[in-house]
């Protein structure tokens, strides 16, 4: 009950809207409103400033939020450790993974999990970054390996890795063989990028935006492999993870001078929705040594 109250309060603090928070944690708006009123009465002070349909944390609310988050993190950690001691249940571990991460990071994570729970079934689904979040939001999976960190409220995040981005060019390109290339040098307007709902597009546009530039898009693709095929065919250049560009036929990888040219990869889950014990165990094992 304590953990539930903390989750409910934090959901309201994050969304600043009782109806949105209720949907996030899976309860009704009246139930959540009464819970917040009871909490404020017990503490002896309002935690929110009411402004029509929005609730904004006041000074007392900000203090309580810091302590509530720490307390919930401790409770979550305790549950994770207990789950790691339990045998795997009959239900499979349900995971989603972004396409470009299924070939290297996911096998590593599954190997660690299967050493802990040999023979336990695992159900893995692959898709775009938006697709795996849809699976997670709909309850089809319990955890997702993706990039970048979800910007929508209601998602937990465990960082797992950072992948450097490089400029992929075809052999003979004027930038091939360079030891470093700045984004401002990509001025020919022939740039290949992921389509809109794929995570790498958000990462790529973010790198350009932080440099005060706009990606000169000429073509779009659905996968990293598709981007590299277009680059190899001479259709343009692209920012891709260094691991993907290495060894791809007809493509050379050129380092970027931008210090923030990388993508963060992590494990995400829906806050406010209890994780099965085996999903908690996977999260614990995934975080070890990271």
C-alpha atoms as a PDB file:
ATOM      1  CA  UNK A   1       0.000   0.000   0.000  1.00  0.00           C
ATOM      2  CA  UNK A   2       2.895   2.355   0.779  1.00  0.00           C
ATOM      3  CA  UNK A   3       4.493   1.721  -2.619  1.00  0.00           C
ATOM      4  CA  UNK A   4       1.146   2.233  -4.365  1.00  0.00           C
ATOM      5  CA  UNK A   5       0.610   5.580  -2.642  1.00  0.00           C
ATOM      6  CA  UNK A   6       4.106   6.702  -3.609  1.00  0.00           C
ATOM      7  CA  UNK A   7       3.565   5.681  -7.236  1.00  0.00           C
ATOM      8  CA  UNK A   8       0.256   7.509  -7.362  1.00  0.00           C
ATOM      9  CA  UNK A   9       1.693  10.690  -5.904  1.00  0.00           C
ATOM     10  CA  UNK A  10       4.679  10.600  -8.284  1.00  0.00           C
ATOM     11  CA  UNK A  11       2.386  10.016 -11.265  1.00  0.00           C
ATOM     12  CA  UNK A  12       0.391  13.146 -10.396  1.00  0.00           C
ATOM     13  CA  UNK A  13       3.610  15.087  -9.822  1.00  0.00           C
ATOM     14  CA  UNK A  14       4.888  14.013 -13.253  1.00  0.00           C
ATOM     15  CA  UNK A  15       1.727  14.572 -15.301  1.00  0.00           C
ATOM     16  CA  UNK A  16       0.272  17.513 -13.284  1.00  0.00           C
ATOM     17  CA  UNK A  17      -3.145  16.117 -14.183  1.00  0.00           C
ATOM     18  CA  UNK A  18      -5.206  13.682 -12.088  1.00  0.00           C
ATOM     19  CA  UNK A  19      -7.015  12.095 -15.045  1.00  0.00           C
ATOM     20  CA  UNK A  20      -3.763  11.481 -16.941  1.00  0.00           C
ATOM     21  CA  UNK A  21      -2.097  10.142 -13.804  1.00  0.00           C
ATOM     22  CA  UNK A  22      -5.021   7.809 -13.104  1.00  0.00           C
ATOM     23  CA  UNK A  23      -4.742   6.329 -16.594  1.00  0.00           C
ATOM     24  CA  UNK A  24      -0.998   5.961 -16.115  1.00  0.00           C
ATOM     25  CA  UNK A  25      -1.262   3.954 -12.880  1.00  0.00           C
ATOM     26  CA  UNK A  26      -4.419   2.070 -13.802  1.00  0.00           C
ATOM     27  CA  UNK A  27      -6.965   3.489 -11.369  1.00  0.00           C
ATOM     28  CA  UNK A  28      -9.912   5.889 -11.531  1.00  0.00           C
ATOM     29  CA  UNK A  29      -9.721   9.657 -11.256  1.00  0.00           C
ATOM     30  CA  UNK A  30     -11.937   9.847  -8.102  1.00  0.00           C
ATOM     31  CA  UNK A  31      -9.884   7.137  -6.365  1.00  0.00           C
ATOM     32  CA  UNK A  32      -6.634   8.924  -7.138  1.00  0.00           C
ATOM     33  CA  UNK A  33      -8.022  12.322  -6.098  1.00  0.00           C
ATOM     34  CA  UNK A  34      -9.141  10.929  -2.734  1.00  0.00           C
ATOM     35  CA  UNK A  35      -5.738   9.319  -2.214  1.00  0.00           C
ATOM     36  CA  UNK A  36      -3.953  12.636  -2.792  1.00  0.00           C
ATOM     37  CA  UNK A  37      -6.317  14.431  -0.385  1.00  0.00           C
ATOM     38  CA  UNK A  38      -5.703  11.762   2.288  1.00  0.00           C
ATOM     39  CA  UNK A  39      -1.945  12.104   1.819  1.00  0.00           C
ATOM     40  CA  UNK A  40      -2.104  15.887   2.182  1.00  0.00           C
ATOM     41  CA  UNK A  41      -4.251  15.605   5.308  1.00  0.00           C
ATOM     42  CA  UNK A  42      -1.818  13.164   6.873  1.00  0.00           C
ATOM     43  CA  UNK A  43       1.123  15.464   6.107  1.00  0.00           C
ATOM     44  CA  UNK A  44      -0.812  18.514   7.306  1.00  0.00           C
ATOM     45  CA  UNK A  45      -0.205  20.625   4.212  1.00  0.00           C
ATOM     46  CA  UNK A  46      -1.141  20.808   0.509  1.00  0.00           C
ATOM     47  CA  UNK A  47       1.435  19.359  -1.856  1.00  0.00           C
ATOM     48  CA  UNK A  48       0.010  20.939  -5.013  1.00  0.00           C
ATOM     49  CA  UNK A  49      -1.201  24.338  -6.126  1.00  0.00           C
ATOM     50  CA  UNK A  50      -4.552  23.854  -7.873  1.00  0.00           C
ATOM     51  CA  UNK A  51      -4.950  25.712 -11.163  1.00  0.00           C
ATOM     52  CA  UNK A  52      -8.206  24.655 -12.842  1.00  0.00           C
ATOM     53  CA  UNK A  53      -7.515  21.196 -14.219  1.00  0.00           C
ATOM     54  CA  UNK A  54      -3.803  21.173 -13.398  1.00  0.00           C
ATOM     55  CA  UNK A  55      -1.944  20.458 -10.182  1.00  0.00           C
ATOM     56  CA  UNK A  56       1.494  21.962  -9.784  1.00  0.00           C
ATOM     57  CA  UNK A  57       3.906  20.927  -7.047  1.00  0.00           C
ATOM     58  CA  UNK A  58       4.443  23.578  -4.388  1.00  0.00           C
ATOM     59  CA  UNK A  59       7.510  23.791  -2.160  1.00  0.00           C
ATOM     60  CA  UNK A  60       6.258  21.084   0.212  1.00  0.00           C
ATOM     61  CA  UNK A  61       5.364  18.888  -2.767  1.00  0.00           C
ATOM     62  CA  UNK A  62       8.834  19.202  -4.249  1.00  0.00           C
ATOM     63  CA  UNK A  63      10.378  18.147  -0.948  1.00  0.00           C
ATOM     64  CA  UNK A  64       8.026  15.176  -0.663  1.00  0.00           C
ATOM     65  CA  UNK A  65       8.686  14.213  -4.281  1.00  0.00           C
ATOM     66  CA  UNK A  66      12.426  13.875  -3.679  1.00  0.00           C
ATOM     67  CA  UNK A  67      11.933  11.654  -0.643  1.00  0.00           C
ATOM     68  CA  UNK A  68       9.087   9.683  -2.239  1.00  0.00           C
ATOM     69  CA  UNK A  69      11.224   8.848  -5.267  1.00  0.00           C
ATOM     70  CA  UNK A  70      14.111   7.696  -3.082  1.00  0.00           C
ATOM     71  CA  UNK A  71      11.769   5.589  -0.938  1.00  0.00           C
ATOM     72  CA  UNK A  72      10.170   3.993  -3.994  1.00  0.00           C
ATOM     73  CA  UNK A  73      13.574   3.296  -5.516  1.00  0.00           C
ATOM     74  CA  UNK A  74      14.575   1.472  -2.317  1.00  0.00           C
ATOM     75  CA  UNK A  75      11.370  -0.584  -2.319  1.00  0.00           C
ATOM     76  CA  UNK A  76      11.869  -1.417  -5.993  1.00  0.00           C
ATOM     77  CA  UNK A  77      15.447  -2.481  -5.277  1.00  0.00           C
ATOM     78  CA  UNK A  78      14.300  -4.747  -2.465  1.00  0.00           C
ATOM     79  CA  UNK A  79      11.684  -6.366  -4.692  1.00  0.00           C
ATOM     80  CA  UNK A  80      14.266  -6.828  -7.438  1.00  0.00           C
ATOM     81  CA  UNK A  81      16.667  -8.577  -5.069  1.00  0.00           C
ATOM     82  CA  UNK A  82      13.948 -10.856  -3.721  1.00  0.00           C
ATOM     83  CA  UNK A  83      12.806 -11.715  -7.248  1.00  0.00           C
ATOM     84  CA  UNK A  84      16.362 -12.695  -8.174  1.00  0.00           C
ATOM     85  CA  UNK A  85      16.270 -15.317  -5.395  1.00  0.00           C
ATOM     86  CA  UNK A  86      13.077 -16.952  -6.657  1.00  0.00           C
ATOM     87  CA  UNK A  87      12.860 -19.734  -9.262  1.00  0.00           C
ATOM     88  CA  UNK A  88      11.621 -18.753 -12.710  1.00  0.00           C
ATOM     89  CA  UNK A  89       7.831 -19.145 -13.128  1.00  0.00           C
ATOM     90  CA  UNK A  90       6.049 -20.948 -15.940  1.00  0.00           C
ATOM     91  CA  UNK A  91       5.131 -17.719 -17.758  1.00  0.00           C
ATOM     92  CA  UNK A  92       7.724 -16.564 -20.322  1.00  0.00           C
ATOM     93  CA  UNK A  93       9.859 -13.474 -19.982  1.00  0.00           C
ATOM     94  CA  UNK A  94       8.246 -11.003 -22.403  1.00  0.00           C
ATOM     95  CA  UNK A  95      10.663  -8.574 -24.060  1.00  0.00           C
ATOM     96  CA  UNK A  96      10.616  -6.113 -26.920  1.00  0.00           C
ATOM     97  CA  UNK A  97      13.746  -4.885 -28.647  1.00  0.00           C
ATOM     98  CA  UNK A  98      14.488  -2.207 -31.227  1.00  0.00           C
ATOM     99  CA  UNK A  99      15.605  -3.741 -34.533  1.00  0.00           C
ATOM    100  CA  UNK A 100      19.147  -2.375 -34.459  1.00  0.00           C
ATOM    101  CA  UNK A 101      19.836  -3.724 -30.953  1.00  0.00           C
ATOM    102  CA  UNK A 102      18.710  -7.292 -31.486  1.00  0.00           C
ATOM    103  CA  UNK A 103      21.966  -8.412 -33.070  1.00  0.00           C
ATOM    104  CA  UNK A 104      24.420  -7.443 -30.328  1.00  0.00           C
ATOM    105  CA  UNK A 105      23.051  -6.199 -26.992  1.00  0.00           C
ATOM    106  CA  UNK A 106      20.025  -8.458 -26.587  1.00  0.00           C
ATOM    107  CA  UNK A 107      21.954 -11.745 -26.976  1.00  0.00           C
ATOM    108  CA  UNK A 108      24.378 -10.585 -24.282  1.00  0.00           C
ATOM    109  CA  UNK A 109      21.516  -9.789 -21.899  1.00  0.00           C
ATOM    110  CA  UNK A 110      19.709 -13.059 -22.609  1.00  0.00           C
ATOM    111  CA  UNK A 111      22.874 -15.072 -22.032  1.00  0.00           C
ATOM    112  CA  UNK A 112      23.196 -13.601 -18.537  1.00  0.00           C
ATOM    113  CA  UNK A 113      19.538 -14.276 -17.828  1.00  0.00           C
ATOM    114  CA  UNK A 114      19.625 -17.888 -19.048  1.00  0.00           C
ATOM    115  CA  UNK A 115      22.652 -18.599 -16.870  1.00  0.00           C
ATOM    116  CA  UNK A 116      20.484 -17.541 -13.939  1.00  0.00           C
ATOM    117  CA  UNK A 117      17.282 -19.247 -15.136  1.00  0.00           C
ATOM    118  CA  UNK A 118      18.247 -22.052 -17.570  1.00  0.00           C
ATOM    119  CA  UNK A 119      15.389 -23.354 -19.667  1.00  0.00           C
ATOM    120  CA  UNK A 120      13.017 -20.493 -18.867  1.00  0.00           C
ATOM    121  CA  UNK A 121      11.039 -19.453 -21.936  1.00  0.00           C
ATOM    122  CA  UNK A 122      11.646 -16.007 -23.419  1.00  0.00           C
ATOM    123  CA  UNK A 123       9.253 -14.250 -25.811  1.00  0.00           C
ATOM    124  CA  UNK A 124      11.082 -11.544 -27.801  1.00  0.00           C
ATOM    125  CA  UNK A 125       9.442  -9.132 -30.226  1.00  0.00           C
ATOM    126  CA  UNK A 126      11.346  -6.696 -32.430  1.00  0.00           C
ATOM    127  CA  UNK A 127      10.214  -3.403 -33.901  1.00  0.00           C
ATOM    128  CA  UNK A 128      10.963   0.285 -34.225  1.00  0.00           C
ATOM    129  CA  UNK A 129      11.515   2.418 -31.114  1.00  0.00           C
ATOM    130  CA  UNK A 130       7.917   3.610 -31.351  1.00  0.00           C
ATOM    131  CA  UNK A 131       6.713   0.071 -31.977  1.00  0.00           C
ATOM    132  CA  UNK A 132       8.343  -1.411 -28.887  1.00  0.00           C
ATOM    133  CA  UNK A 133       6.911   1.397 -26.741  1.00  0.00           C
ATOM    134  CA  UNK A 134       3.467   0.604 -28.139  1.00  0.00           C
ATOM    135  CA  UNK A 135       3.943  -3.037 -27.134  1.00  0.00           C
ATOM    136  CA  UNK A 136       5.019  -1.932 -23.681  1.00  0.00           C
ATOM    137  CA  UNK A 137       2.156   0.527 -23.244  1.00  0.00           C
ATOM    138  CA  UNK A 138      -0.374  -2.082 -24.355  1.00  0.00           C
ATOM    139  CA  UNK A 139       0.907  -4.696 -21.915  1.00  0.00           C
ATOM    140  CA  UNK A 140       2.080  -7.123 -24.612  1.00  0.00           C
ATOM    141  CA  UNK A 141       5.592  -7.070 -23.084  1.00  0.00           C
ATOM    142  CA  UNK A 142       7.012  -6.227 -19.675  1.00  0.00           C
ATOM    143  CA  UNK A 143      10.368  -4.725 -20.681  1.00  0.00           C
ATOM    144  CA  UNK A 144      11.895  -3.179 -23.788  1.00  0.00           C
ATOM    145  CA  UNK A 145      15.474  -2.621 -24.937  1.00  0.00           C
ATOM    146  CA  UNK A 146      15.491   0.560 -26.979  1.00  0.00           C
ATOM    147  CA  UNK A 147      17.050   3.904 -27.835  1.00  0.00           C
ATOM    148  CA  UNK A 148      16.698   6.747 -27.053  1.00  0.00           C
ATOM    149  CA  UNK A 149      15.203   7.092 -23.575  1.00  0.00           C
ATOM    150  CA  UNK A 150      11.424   7.568 -23.872  1.00  0.00           C
ATOM    151  CA  UNK A 151      10.467  11.231 -23.542  1.00  0.00           C
ATOM    152  CA  UNK A 152       6.851  10.471 -22.600  1.00  0.00           C
ATOM    153  CA  UNK A 153       5.940  10.367 -18.896  1.00  0.00           C
ATOM    154  CA  UNK A 154       5.407   7.067 -17.137  1.00  0.00           C
ATOM    155  CA  UNK A 155       8.473   5.124 -18.309  1.00  0.00           C
ATOM    156  CA  UNK A 156      11.326   3.900 -16.131  1.00  0.00           C
ATOM    157  CA  UNK A 157      14.816   3.805 -17.622  1.00  0.00           C
ATOM    158  CA  UNK A 158      17.962   1.782 -16.918  1.00  0.00           C
ATOM    159  CA  UNK A 159      20.942   2.953 -19.025  1.00  0.00           C
ATOM    160  CA  UNK A 160      22.840   0.019 -20.516  1.00  0.00           C
ATOM    161  CA  UNK A 161      25.266   1.400 -23.113  1.00  0.00           C
ATOM    162  CA  UNK A 162      26.282   4.368 -25.216  1.00  0.00           C
ATOM    163  CA  UNK A 163      27.026   3.830 -28.897  1.00  0.00           C
ATOM    164  CA  UNK A 164      29.208   6.267 -30.773  1.00  0.00           C
ATOM    165  CA  UNK A 165      27.826   7.466 -34.082  1.00  0.00           C
ATOM    166  CA  UNK A 166      29.988   7.725 -37.177  1.00  0.00           C
ATOM    167  CA  UNK A 167      29.514   9.172 -40.632  1.00  0.00           C
ATOM    168  CA  UNK A 168      28.918   6.402 -43.164  1.00  0.00           C
ATOM    169  CA  UNK A 169      30.172   7.273 -46.661  1.00  0.00           C
ATOM    170  CA  UNK A 170      30.710   5.274 -49.867  1.00  0.00           C
ATOM    171  CA  UNK A 171      34.301   4.587 -50.970  1.00  0.00           C
ATOM    172  CA  UNK A 172      35.729   7.487 -52.940  1.00  0.00           C
ATOM    173  CA  UNK A 173      33.555  10.054 -51.201  1.00  0.00           C
ATOM    174  CA  UNK A 174      35.405  13.353 -50.562  1.00  0.00           C
ATOM    175  CA  UNK A 175      35.138  12.775 -46.783  1.00  0.00           C
ATOM    176  CA  UNK A 176      36.335   9.152 -46.881  1.00  0.00           C
ATOM    177  CA  UNK A 177      39.572   8.513 -45.034  1.00  0.00           C
ATOM    178  CA  UNK A 178      39.293  11.582 -42.803  1.00  0.00           C
ATOM    179  CA  UNK A 179      40.223  11.269 -39.116  1.00  0.00           C
ATOM    180  CA  UNK A 180      37.331  13.514 -38.125  1.00  0.00           C
ATOM    181  CA  UNK A 181      34.398  15.289 -39.742  1.00  0.00           C
ATOM    182  CA  UNK A 182      32.248  18.142 -38.440  1.00  0.00           C
ATOM    183  CA  UNK A 183      28.508  18.195 -39.051  1.00  0.00           C
ATOM    184  CA  UNK A 184      28.820  21.582 -40.767  1.00  0.00           C
ATOM    185  CA  UNK A 185      30.747  19.858 -43.556  1.00  0.00           C
ATOM    186  CA  UNK A 186      27.688  17.828 -44.587  1.00  0.00           C
ATOM    187  CA  UNK A 187      26.405  20.468 -46.954  1.00  0.00           C
ATOM    188  CA  UNK A 188      25.745  18.534 -50.159  1.00  0.00           C
ATOM    189  CA  UNK A 189      22.106  17.854 -49.202  1.00  0.00           C
ATOM    190  CA  UNK A 190      22.424  14.109 -49.787  1.00  0.00           C
ATOM    191  CA  UNK A 191      21.779  12.682 -46.348  1.00  0.00           C
ATOM    192  CA  UNK A 192      20.059   9.384 -45.575  1.00  0.00           C
ATOM    193  CA  UNK A 193      18.075   9.097 -42.344  1.00  0.00           C
ATOM    194  CA  UNK A 194      15.579   6.856 -40.571  1.00  0.00           C
ATOM    195  CA  UNK A 195      11.879   7.450 -41.132  1.00  0.00           C
ATOM    196  CA  UNK A 196       9.891   9.420 -38.559  1.00  0.00           C
ATOM    197  CA  UNK A 197       8.904   6.798 -35.979  1.00  0.00           C
ATOM    198  CA  UNK A 198      12.302   5.135 -35.623  1.00  0.00           C
ATOM    199  CA  UNK A 199      14.479   6.046 -32.630  1.00  0.00           C
ATOM    200  CA  UNK A 200      17.698   6.652 -34.557  1.00  0.00           C
ATOM    201  CA  UNK A 201      16.035   9.509 -36.424  1.00  0.00           C
ATOM    202  CA  UNK A 202      15.341  11.311 -33.141  1.00  0.00           C
ATOM    203  CA  UNK A 203      18.942  10.739 -32.066  1.00  0.00           C
ATOM    204  CA  UNK A 204      20.360  11.948 -35.393  1.00  0.00           C
ATOM    205  CA  UNK A 205      18.201  15.077 -35.517  1.00  0.00           C
ATOM    206  CA  UNK A 206      19.155  15.806 -31.906  1.00  0.00           C
ATOM    207  CA  UNK A 207      22.861  15.727 -32.744  1.00  0.00           C
ATOM    208  CA  UNK A 208      22.331  18.204 -35.604  1.00  0.00           C
ATOM    209  CA  UNK A 209      20.005  20.405 -33.528  1.00  0.00           C
ATOM    210  CA  UNK A 210      22.469  20.754 -30.652  1.00  0.00           C
ATOM    211  CA  UNK A 211      25.022  21.974 -33.209  1.00  0.00           C
ATOM    212  CA  UNK A 212      22.571  24.555 -34.512  1.00  0.00           C
ATOM    213  CA  UNK A 213      22.074  22.675 -37.774  1.00  0.00           C
ATOM    214  CA  UNK A 214      19.334  20.814 -39.603  1.00  0.00           C
ATOM    215  CA  UNK A 215      19.922  17.387 -41.122  1.00  0.00           C
ATOM    216  CA  UNK A 216      19.936  17.788 -44.956  1.00  0.00           C
ATOM    217  CA  UNK A 217      17.582  14.851 -45.597  1.00  0.00           C
ATOM    218  CA  UNK A 218      17.527  13.367 -49.096  1.00  0.00           C
ATOM    219  CA  UNK A 219      16.267   9.821 -48.436  1.00  0.00           C
ATOM    220  CA  UNK A 220      14.696   7.739 -45.659  1.00  0.00           C
ATOM    221  CA  UNK A 221      14.913   4.064 -44.704  1.00  0.00           C
ATOM    222  CA  UNK A 222      13.278   1.721 -42.201  1.00  0.00           C
ATOM    223  CA  UNK A 223      16.388   0.074 -40.770  1.00  0.00           C
ATOM    224  CA  UNK A 224      20.077   0.765 -40.198  1.00  0.00           C
ATOM    225  CA  UNK A 225      20.887  -1.914 -42.759  1.00  0.00           C
ATOM    226  CA  UNK A 226      18.644  -0.135 -45.266  1.00  0.00           C
ATOM    227  CA  UNK A 227      20.443   3.154 -44.632  1.00  0.00           C
ATOM    228  CA  UNK A 228      23.837   1.517 -45.151  1.00  0.00           C
ATOM    229  CA  UNK A 229      22.672  -0.107 -48.387  1.00  0.00           C
ATOM    230  CA  UNK A 230      21.626   3.307 -49.714  1.00  0.00           C
ATOM    231  CA  UNK A 231      24.980   4.791 -48.673  1.00  0.00           C
ATOM    232  CA  UNK A 232      26.827   1.930 -50.391  1.00  0.00           C
ATOM    233  CA  UNK A 233      24.777   2.616 -53.534  1.00  0.00           C
ATOM    234  CA  UNK A 234      26.013   6.208 -53.569  1.00  0.00           C
ATOM    235  CA  UNK A 235      22.701   7.765 -52.545  1.00  0.00           C
ATOM    236  CA  UNK A 236      24.210   9.869 -49.760  1.00  0.00           C
ATOM    237  CA  UNK A 237      25.860   9.805 -46.329  1.00  0.00           C
ATOM    238  CA  UNK A 238      24.391   8.962 -42.921  1.00  0.00           C
ATOM    239  CA  UNK A 239      24.977   8.972 -39.182  1.00  0.00           C
ATOM    240  CA  UNK A 240      24.865   5.392 -37.907  1.00  0.00           C
ATOM    241  CA  UNK A 241      26.133   3.456 -34.882  1.00  0.00           C
ATOM    242  CA  UNK A 242      29.817   2.618 -35.330  1.00  0.00           C
ATOM    243  CA  UNK A 243      29.146  -1.072 -34.686  1.00  0.00           C
ATOM    244  CA  UNK A 244      26.694  -1.256 -37.600  1.00  0.00           C
ATOM    245  CA  UNK A 245      28.985   0.470 -40.089  1.00  0.00           C
ATOM    246  CA  UNK A 246      32.004  -1.720 -39.348  1.00  0.00           C
ATOM    247  CA  UNK A 247      32.425  -4.313 -42.054  1.00  0.00           C
ATOM    248  CA  UNK A 248      29.343  -3.336 -44.077  1.00  0.00           C
ATOM    249  CA  UNK A 249      30.221  -3.819 -47.764  1.00  0.00           C
ATOM    250  CA  UNK A 250      30.661  -0.624 -49.745  1.00  0.00           C
ATOM    251  CA  UNK A 251      30.692   1.652 -46.684  1.00  0.00           C
ATOM    252  CA  UNK A 252      33.480   3.486 -44.862  1.00  0.00           C
ATOM    253  CA  UNK A 253      33.062   4.823 -41.319  1.00  0.00           C
ATOM    254  CA  UNK A 254      34.431   8.315 -40.629  1.00  0.00           C
ATOM    255  CA  UNK A 255      34.698   9.579 -37.012  1.00  0.00           C
ATOM    256  CA  UNK A 256      32.684  12.659 -36.057  1.00  0.00           C
ATOM    257  CA  UNK A 257      34.150  15.594 -34.167  1.00  0.00           C
ATOM    258  CA  UNK A 258      30.884  16.300 -32.318  1.00  0.00           C
ATOM    259  CA  UNK A 259      31.348  15.224 -28.692  1.00  0.00           C
ATOM    260  CA  UNK A 260      27.668  14.319 -28.281  1.00  0.00           C
ATOM    261  CA  UNK A 261      27.440  12.116 -31.388  1.00  0.00           C
ATOM    262  CA  UNK A 262      26.214   8.981 -29.643  1.00  0.00           C
ATOM    263  CA  UNK A 263      22.985   7.238 -28.773  1.00  0.00           C
ATOM    264  CA  UNK A 264      21.976   6.042 -25.313  1.00  0.00           C
ATOM    265  CA  UNK A 265      20.646   2.497 -25.131  1.00  0.00           C
ATOM    266  CA  UNK A 266      18.664   1.249 -22.173  1.00  0.00           C
ATOM    267  CA  UNK A 267      15.972  -0.923 -20.683  1.00  0.00           C
ATOM    268  CA  UNK A 268      12.554   0.640 -20.179  1.00  0.00           C
ATOM    269  CA  UNK A 269       9.306  -0.365 -18.482  1.00  0.00           C
ATOM    270  CA  UNK A 270       5.976   1.172 -17.544  1.00  0.00           C
ATOM    271  CA  UNK A 271       5.959   2.839 -14.152  1.00  0.00           C
ATOM    272  CA  UNK A 272       2.913   2.138 -12.020  1.00  0.00           C
ATOM    273  CA  UNK A 273       2.511  -1.360 -13.478  1.00  0.00           C
ATOM    274  CA  UNK A 274       3.907  -4.156 -11.273  1.00  0.00           C
ATOM    275  CA  UNK A 275       6.626  -6.162 -12.988  1.00  0.00           C
ATOM    276  CA  UNK A 276       6.510  -9.981 -12.798  1.00  0.00           C
ATOM    277  CA  UNK A 277       9.316 -11.441 -10.652  1.00  0.00           C
ATOM    278  CA  UNK A 278      11.194 -12.839 -13.689  1.00  0.00           C
ATOM    279  CA  UNK A 279      11.105  -9.415 -15.395  1.00  0.00           C
ATOM    280  CA  UNK A 280      12.536  -7.871 -12.224  1.00  0.00           C
ATOM    281  CA  UNK A 281      15.270 -10.504 -12.256  1.00  0.00           C
ATOM    282  CA  UNK A 282      16.119  -9.687 -15.873  1.00  0.00           C
ATOM    283  CA  UNK A 283      16.330  -5.988 -14.966  1.00  0.00           C
ATOM    284  CA  UNK A 284      18.695  -6.716 -12.079  1.00  0.00           C
ATOM    285  CA  UNK A 285      20.960  -8.875 -14.255  1.00  0.00           C
ATOM    286  CA  UNK A 286      20.905  -6.324 -17.089  1.00  0.00           C
ATOM    287  CA  UNK A 287      22.087  -3.589 -14.741  1.00  0.00           C
ATOM    288  CA  UNK A 288      25.029  -5.496 -13.300  1.00  0.00           C
ATOM    289  CA  UNK A 289      28.375  -4.232 -14.502  1.00  0.00           C
ATOM    290  CA  UNK A 290      26.814  -1.358 -16.458  1.00  0.00           C
END
